[in-house]
Amino acid sequence: MYYFTYDPWIGKLLYLEDLYVIQAYRGLGIGAEMLKRLSQASTDYYTRRGALELSSEEGRHLFRFNREELMDMAGEE
């Protein structure tokens, strides 16, 4: 489950709340592998675009873009 939220200092955010694996596939490590791959893909995506990783030492990832990087990325799309 995911939803969009809004932070007045950052703007629109995508928040991943839960990831569900159907009963027949639980206990096989599928959910953990999906989260691992999603985390790596997200980290790669944002760092390639110039985001600074702010809190990996806490066991979670928080990225920030400066205005210049966002404008550059917008021009690529």
Protein backbone atom coordinates (compact mmCIF):
# COMPACT_ATOMS: atom_id res chain seq x y z
CA MET A 1 0.00 0.00 0.00
CA TYR A 2 1.25 3.44 -0.81
CA TYR A 3 -0.10 6.93 -0.79
CA PHE A 4 0.92 10.43 -1.62
CA THR A 5 1.40 12.93 1.17
CA TYR A 6 2.43 16.55 1.29
CA ASP A 7 5.12 18.22 3.34
CA PRO A 8 5.03 22.03 3.36
CA TRP A 9 8.83 22.25 3.19
CA ILE A 10 9.39 19.47 0.66
CA GLY A 11 6.18 19.18 -1.35
CA LYS A 12 4.49 16.06 -2.66
CA LEU A 13 5.89 12.76 -1.35
CA LEU A 14 5.23 9.12 -2.16
CA TYR A 15 5.03 6.99 0.97
CA LEU A 16 5.19 3.19 0.87
CA GLU A 17 3.17 2.01 3.85
CA ASP A 18 2.98 -1.77 3.41
CA LEU A 19 4.03 -4.46 1.00
CA TYR A 20 1.83 -7.54 0.95
CA VAL A 21 2.75 -11.07 -0.13
CA ILE A 22 -0.17 -13.44 -0.61
CA GLN A 23 -0.44 -16.34 1.84
CA ALA A 24 0.77 -19.02 -0.57
CA TYR A 25 4.13 -17.26 -0.98
CA ARG A 26 4.81 -16.15 2.58
CA GLY A 27 7.83 -17.53 4.40
CA LEU A 28 9.88 -17.84 1.22
CA GLY A 29 11.75 -14.56 1.58
CA ILE A 30 9.89 -12.96 -1.32
CA GLY A 31 8.80 -9.87 0.62
CA ALA A 32 12.29 -9.30 2.00
CA GLU A 33 13.81 -9.66 -1.47
CA MET A 34 11.26 -7.25 -2.96
CA LEU A 35 12.03 -4.64 -0.30
CA LYS A 36 15.77 -5.13 -0.78
CA ARG A 37 15.50 -4.63 -4.54
CA LEU A 38 13.13 -1.68 -4.19
CA SER A 39 15.49 -0.04 -1.71
CA GLN A 40 18.50 -0.54 -3.98
CA ALA A 41 16.65 0.69 -7.07
CA SER A 42 15.45 3.77 -5.21
CA THR A 43 18.90 4.51 -3.83
CA ASP A 44 20.46 4.15 -7.28
CA TYR A 45 17.77 6.28 -8.92
CA TYR A 46 18.12 9.21 -6.55
CA THR A 47 21.90 9.20 -6.18
CA ARG A 48 22.35 9.11 -9.98
CA ARG A 49 20.30 12.29 -10.10
CA GLY A 50 22.39 14.11 -7.53
CA ALA A 51 20.38 13.54 -4.35
CA LEU A 52 22.27 13.46 -1.07
CA GLU A 53 21.62 10.44 1.12
CA LEU A 54 21.01 11.86 4.58
CA SER A 55 20.38 8.99 6.96
CA SER A 56 21.55 5.57 5.80
CA GLU A 57 23.39 5.14 9.10
CA GLU A 58 19.99 4.97 10.81
CA GLY A 59 18.90 1.94 8.78
CA ARG A 60 16.57 3.93 6.55
CA HIS A 61 17.05 6.14 3.55
CA LEU A 62 16.14 9.78 3.28
CA PHE A 63 17.07 11.73 0.19
CA ARG A 64 17.06 15.42 -0.56
CA PHE A 65 17.33 17.23 -3.87
CA ASN A 66 18.47 20.78 -4.22
CA ARG A 67 16.47 22.99 -6.57
CA GLU A 68 19.17 22.87 -9.26
CA GLU A 69 19.16 19.06 -9.41
CA LEU A 70 15.37 19.00 -9.59
CA MET A 71 15.34 21.49 -12.44
CA ASP A 72 18.00 19.47 -14.31
CA MET A 73 16.00 16.28 -13.80
CA ALA A 74 12.78 17.96 -14.97
CA GLY A 75 14.55 18.94 -18.19
CA GLU A 76 15.51 15.30 -18.83
CA GLU A 77 11.98 13.92 -18.60
